[in-house]
Amino acid sequence: MSLPMREPMPPIGLRTWPLTGTAAVDTVLSVLEAGYRHIDTPAIYDDEDAVGEAVRRSGLPRQLFVTSELRGRDHVDRDCPGAVERSLERLACISSTATSSTDR
């Protein structure tokens, strides 16, 4: 995938299901230490807060890709921008310069 960034997004990453809570934090920290730089955490998994906690604890620089997917109801309700904002708030590790598909 080609994105307007300095580094290409890694083709392989950790998909966090079915991890939540401490298990999610510990696993994400482990894979980041092992060299993974792509974490996929769809909103429906209810673990974005744990992923954000692990990313903050890792102390890694900004070259990390955290991807998510909106819940189906957000599309039906036409609340995609709000859903993106809620995901970013739950992750709490993304700067205000983050981009989303709603920015296009």
N, C-alpha and C. Protein backbone atom coordinates (compact mmCIF):
# COMPACT_ATOMS: atom_id res chain seq x y z
N MET A 1 0.85 -1.17 0.00
CA MET A 1 0.00 0.00 0.00
C MET A 1 0.89 1.23 0.00
N SER A 2 0.56 2.19 -0.82
CA SER A 2 1.33 3.42 -0.90
C SER A 2 0.59 4.54 -0.18
N LEU A 3 1.25 5.11 0.80
CA LEU A 3 0.69 6.22 1.57
C LEU A 3 1.65 7.40 1.49
N PRO A 4 1.15 8.61 1.67
CA PRO A 4 2.03 9.78 1.59
C PRO A 4 2.88 9.95 2.85
N MET A 5 3.77 8.98 3.09
CA MET A 5 4.62 9.00 4.27
C MET A 5 6.05 8.65 3.88
N ARG A 6 6.97 8.90 4.78
CA ARG A 6 8.37 8.58 4.52
C ARG A 6 8.61 7.08 4.47
N GLU A 7 7.95 6.34 5.32
CA GLU A 7 8.15 4.89 5.41
C GLU A 7 6.92 4.17 4.87
N PRO A 8 7.10 3.09 4.13
CA PRO A 8 5.95 2.32 3.67
C PRO A 8 5.34 1.54 4.84
N MET A 9 4.03 1.33 4.78
CA MET A 9 3.36 0.55 5.81
C MET A 9 3.78 -0.92 5.69
N PRO A 10 4.19 -1.53 6.79
CA PRO A 10 4.59 -2.94 6.72
C PRO A 10 3.43 -3.81 6.25
N PRO A 11 3.70 -4.79 5.39
CA PRO A 11 2.63 -5.65 4.89
C PRO A 11 2.12 -6.65 5.92
N ILE A 12 2.90 -6.88 6.97
CA ILE A 12 2.51 -7.82 8.01
C ILE A 12 2.43 -7.08 9.33
N GLY A 13 1.37 -7.35 10.07
CA GLY A 13 1.21 -6.73 11.37
C GLY A 13 0.47 -7.65 12.32
N LEU A 14 0.29 -7.21 13.54
CA LEU A 14 -0.45 -7.97 14.54
C LEU A 14 -1.91 -7.56 14.50
N ARG A 15 -2.78 -8.52 14.32
CA ARG A 15 -4.23 -8.29 14.47
C ARG A 15 -4.56 -8.70 15.89
N THR A 16 -5.18 -7.83 16.66
CA THR A 16 -5.25 -7.99 18.10
C THR A 16 -6.36 -8.90 18.63
N TRP A 17 -7.30 -9.30 17.82
CA TRP A 17 -8.37 -10.16 18.31
C TRP A 17 -7.82 -11.51 18.71
N PRO A 18 -8.22 -12.11 19.77
CA PRO A 18 -9.26 -11.79 20.75
C PRO A 18 -8.72 -11.15 22.02
N LEU A 19 -7.59 -10.48 21.94
CA LEU A 19 -6.94 -9.94 23.13
C LEU A 19 -7.62 -8.68 23.66
N THR A 20 -7.71 -8.58 24.96
CA THR A 20 -8.20 -7.37 25.62
C THR A 20 -7.41 -7.17 26.89
N GLY A 21 -7.55 -5.99 27.47
CA GLY A 21 -6.95 -5.72 28.77
C GLY A 21 -5.44 -5.96 28.83
N THR A 22 -5.00 -6.54 29.96
CA THR A 22 -3.58 -6.78 30.20
C THR A 22 -2.98 -7.69 29.14
N ALA A 23 -3.73 -8.69 28.69
CA ALA A 23 -3.21 -9.60 27.66
C ALA A 23 -2.91 -8.84 26.38
N ALA A 24 -3.76 -7.89 26.02
CA ALA A 24 -3.53 -7.09 24.82
C ALA A 24 -2.32 -6.18 25.00
N VAL A 25 -2.22 -5.53 26.14
CA VAL A 25 -1.08 -4.64 26.40
C VAL A 25 0.22 -5.43 26.33
N ASP A 26 0.28 -6.56 27.04
CA ASP A 26 1.50 -7.36 27.07
C ASP A 26 1.88 -7.90 25.70
N THR A 27 0.90 -8.37 24.94
CA THR A 27 1.18 -8.92 23.61
C THR A 27 1.67 -7.84 22.66
N VAL A 28 1.00 -6.69 22.66
CA VAL A 28 1.42 -5.61 21.78
C VAL A 28 2.83 -5.14 22.15
N LEU A 29 3.11 -5.02 23.44
CA LEU A 29 4.47 -4.64 23.85
C LEU A 29 5.49 -5.67 23.36
N SER A 30 5.17 -6.94 23.45
CA SER A 30 6.09 -8.00 23.01
C SER A 30 6.37 -7.94 21.52
N VAL A 31 5.31 -7.75 20.72
CA VAL A 31 5.54 -7.74 19.27
C VAL A 31 6.26 -6.46 18.83
N LEU A 32 6.00 -5.35 19.52
CA LEU A 32 6.73 -4.13 19.20
C LEU A 32 8.21 -4.31 19.53
N GLU A 33 8.50 -4.96 20.65
CA GLU A 33 9.90 -5.24 21.01
C GLU A 33 10.55 -6.17 19.99
N ALA A 34 9.75 -7.08 19.42
CA ALA A 34 10.26 -8.02 18.42
C ALA A 34 10.47 -7.37 17.05
N GLY A 35 9.97 -6.14 16.88
CA GLY A 35 10.20 -5.43 15.62
C GLY A 35 8.97 -5.13 14.79
N TYR A 36 7.80 -5.61 15.20
CA TYR A 36 6.58 -5.27 14.48
C TYR A 36 6.36 -3.76 14.53
N ARG A 37 5.88 -3.20 13.42
CA ARG A 37 5.57 -1.77 13.38
C ARG A 37 4.18 -1.51 12.81
N HIS A 38 3.35 -2.54 12.77
CA HIS A 38 1.97 -2.41 12.28
C HIS A 38 1.06 -3.20 13.23
N ILE A 39 0.13 -2.49 13.86
CA ILE A 39 -0.84 -3.10 14.75
C ILE A 39 -2.23 -2.79 14.19
N ASP A 40 -3.05 -3.83 14.01
CA ASP A 40 -4.41 -3.67 13.48
C ASP A 40 -5.41 -3.98 14.59
N THR A 41 -6.21 -2.99 14.94
CA THR A 41 -7.13 -3.12 16.05
C THR A 41 -8.50 -2.54 15.70
N PRO A 42 -9.33 -3.28 14.96
CA PRO A 42 -10.66 -2.79 14.62
C PRO A 42 -11.47 -2.42 15.87
N ALA A 43 -12.27 -1.40 15.77
CA ALA A 43 -13.05 -0.90 16.91
C ALA A 43 -13.91 -1.99 17.54
N ILE A 44 -14.40 -2.91 16.75
CA ILE A 44 -15.30 -3.94 17.27
C ILE A 44 -14.59 -4.88 18.26
N TYR A 45 -13.26 -4.90 18.26
CA TYR A 45 -12.51 -5.76 19.19
C TYR A 45 -12.52 -5.22 20.61
N ASP A 46 -12.87 -3.96 20.78
CA ASP A 46 -12.90 -3.31 22.09
C ASP A 46 -11.55 -3.38 22.82
N ASP A 47 -10.48 -3.19 22.07
CA ASP A 47 -9.16 -3.22 22.71
C ASP A 47 -8.29 -2.02 22.32
N GLU A 48 -8.89 -1.02 21.71
CA GLU A 48 -8.10 0.14 21.28
C GLU A 48 -7.42 0.83 22.47
N ASP A 49 -8.09 0.86 23.62
CA ASP A 49 -7.48 1.48 24.80
C ASP A 49 -6.22 0.72 25.23
N ALA A 50 -6.26 -0.61 25.19
CA ALA A 50 -5.10 -1.43 25.56
C ALA A 50 -3.98 -1.26 24.55
N VAL A 51 -4.31 -1.18 23.26
CA VAL A 51 -3.29 -0.98 22.23
C VAL A 51 -2.62 0.38 22.44
N GLY A 52 -3.42 1.40 22.69
CA GLY A 52 -2.85 2.73 22.95
C GLY A 52 -1.93 2.74 24.15
N GLU A 53 -2.33 2.03 25.20
CA GLU A 53 -1.50 1.94 26.41
C GLU A 53 -0.16 1.28 26.08
N ALA A 54 -0.20 0.19 25.32
CA ALA A 54 1.04 -0.50 24.96
C ALA A 54 1.94 0.39 24.11
N VAL A 55 1.36 1.10 23.16
CA VAL A 55 2.16 1.99 22.30
C VAL A 55 2.82 3.08 23.15
N ARG A 56 2.07 3.65 24.07
CA ARG A 56 2.65 4.69 24.94
C ARG A 56 3.78 4.11 25.79
N ARG A 57 3.57 2.94 26.36
CA ARG A 57 4.60 2.32 27.19
C ARG A 57 5.85 1.94 26.40
N SER A 58 5.67 1.63 25.13
CA SER A 58 6.80 1.18 24.32
C SER A 58 7.85 2.27 24.11
N GLY A 59 7.41 3.52 24.11
CA GLY A 59 8.33 4.63 23.89
C GLY A 59 8.87 4.71 22.47
N LEU A 60 8.25 4.00 21.55
CA LEU A 60 8.73 4.01 20.16
C LEU A 60 8.52 5.36 19.51
N PRO A 61 9.37 5.70 18.56
CA PRO A 61 9.17 6.94 17.81
C PRO A 61 7.93 6.83 16.92
N ARG A 62 7.67 7.83 16.18
CA ARG A 62 6.43 7.93 15.41
C ARG A 62 6.30 6.94 14.27
N GLN A 63 7.31 6.25 13.85
CA GLN A 63 7.20 5.35 12.71
C GLN A 63 6.54 4.03 13.11
N LEU A 64 5.27 4.13 13.45
CA LEU A 64 4.47 2.99 13.85
C LEU A 64 3.10 3.14 13.20
N PHE A 65 2.57 2.06 12.66
CA PHE A 65 1.28 2.10 11.99
C PHE A 65 0.25 1.38 12.85
N VAL A 66 -0.78 2.11 13.25
CA VAL A 66 -1.90 1.53 13.99
C VAL A 66 -3.11 1.71 13.10
N THR A 67 -3.69 0.59 12.64
CA THR A 67 -4.85 0.65 11.77
C THR A 67 -6.07 0.15 12.51
N SER A 68 -7.22 0.63 12.07
CA SER A 68 -8.48 0.24 12.68
C SER A 68 -9.55 0.14 11.59
N GLU A 69 -10.68 -0.32 11.97
CA GLU A 69 -11.83 -0.38 11.07
C GLU A 69 -13.05 0.09 11.84
N LEU A 70 -13.93 0.78 11.15
CA LEU A 70 -15.14 1.26 11.80
C LEU A 70 -16.15 0.14 11.96
N ARG A 71 -16.99 0.27 12.96
CA ARG A 71 -18.09 -0.68 13.15
C ARG A 71 -19.13 -0.46 12.05
N GLY A 72 -19.82 -1.51 11.68
CA GLY A 72 -20.84 -1.40 10.64
C GLY A 72 -21.90 -0.37 10.95
N ARG A 73 -22.31 -0.29 12.22
CA ARG A 73 -23.36 0.67 12.59
C ARG A 73 -22.94 2.11 12.36
N ASP A 74 -21.62 2.38 12.43
CA ASP A 74 -21.14 3.75 12.18
C ASP A 74 -21.37 4.14 10.72
N HIS A 75 -21.28 3.17 9.81
CA HIS A 75 -21.57 3.43 8.40
C HIS A 75 -23.06 3.65 8.20
N VAL A 76 -23.86 2.81 8.84
CA VAL A 76 -25.32 2.91 8.71
C VAL A 76 -25.80 4.24 9.27
N ASP A 77 -25.26 4.62 10.43
CA ASP A 77 -25.66 5.88 11.07
C ASP A 77 -25.01 7.10 10.42
N ARG A 78 -24.15 6.85 9.43
CA ARG A 78 -23.41 7.92 8.76
C ARG A 78 -22.60 8.76 9.75
N ASP A 79 -22.01 8.07 10.72
CA ASP A 79 -21.21 8.74 11.74
C ASP A 79 -19.74 8.36 11.61
N CYS A 80 -19.26 8.23 10.41
CA CYS A 80 -17.86 7.84 10.20
C CYS A 80 -16.87 8.83 10.82
N PRO A 81 -17.03 10.14 10.62
CA PRO A 81 -16.08 11.07 11.25
C PRO A 81 -16.08 10.95 12.78
N GLY A 82 -17.26 10.82 13.36
CA GLY A 82 -17.35 10.67 14.81
C GLY A 82 -16.72 9.37 15.28
N ALA A 83 -16.91 8.30 14.52
CA ALA A 83 -16.32 7.01 14.87
C ALA A 83 -14.80 7.06 14.82
N VAL A 84 -14.25 7.75 13.82
CA VAL A 84 -12.80 7.91 13.73
C VAL A 84 -12.29 8.67 14.95
N GLU A 85 -12.96 9.74 15.31
CA GLU A 85 -12.56 10.53 16.48
C GLU A 85 -12.61 9.69 17.75
N ARG A 86 -13.64 8.87 17.93
CA ARG A 86 -13.74 8.03 19.11
C ARG A 86 -12.61 7.00 19.16
N SER A 87 -12.27 6.43 18.00
CA SER A 87 -11.15 5.49 17.96
C SER A 87 -9.85 6.18 18.35
N LEU A 88 -9.62 7.37 17.81
CA LEU A 88 -8.40 8.11 18.14
C LEU A 88 -8.35 8.43 19.63
N GLU A 89 -9.49 8.77 20.22
CA GLU A 89 -9.53 9.06 21.65
C GLU A 89 -9.23 7.80 22.46
N ARG A 90 -9.80 6.65 22.07
CA ARG A 90 -9.53 5.41 22.79
C ARG A 90 -8.06 5.01 22.67
N LEU A 91 -7.49 5.19 21.50
CA LEU A 91 -6.07 4.85 21.30
C LEU A 91 -5.18 5.79 22.12
N ALA A 92 -5.55 7.04 22.17
CA ALA A 92 -4.84 8.05 22.97
C ALA A 92 -3.32 8.02 22.76
N CYS A 93 -2.90 7.51 21.63
CA CYS A 93 -1.46 7.49 21.34
C CYS A 93 -1.18 8.15 20.01
N ILE A 94 -2.22 8.69 19.41
CA ILE A 94 -2.12 9.26 18.08
C ILE A 94 -2.12 10.78 18.20
N SER A 95 -1.18 11.42 17.54
CA SER A 95 -1.10 12.87 17.60
C SER A 95 -2.21 13.49 16.76
N SER A 96 -2.39 14.77 16.92
CA SER A 96 -3.42 15.48 16.16
C SER A 96 -3.08 15.57 14.68
N THR A 97 -1.88 15.13 14.30
CA THR A 97 -1.50 15.16 12.89
C THR A 97 -1.84 13.85 12.20
N ALA A 98 -2.51 12.94 12.91
CA ALA A 98 -2.89 11.67 12.31
C ALA A 98 -3.84 11.91 11.15
N THR A 99 -3.76 11.04 10.16
CA THR A 99 -4.65 11.16 9.02
C THR A 99 -5.60 9.98 9.00
N SER A 100 -6.73 10.20 8.41
CA SER A 100 -7.71 9.13 8.26
C SER A 100 -8.32 9.23 6.88
N SER A 101 -9.07 8.23 6.53
CA SER A 101 -9.70 8.25 5.21
C SER A 101 -10.72 9.38 5.09
N THR A 102 -11.18 9.92 6.23
CA THR A 102 -12.13 11.04 6.17
C THR A 102 -11.43 12.33 5.80
N ASP A 103 -10.08 12.34 5.83
CA ASP A 103 -9.32 13.55 5.47
C ASP A 103 -9.20 13.73 3.95
N ARG A 104 -9.53 12.68 3.20
CA ARG A 104 -9.36 12.76 1.75
C ARG A 104 -10.47 13.48 1.08
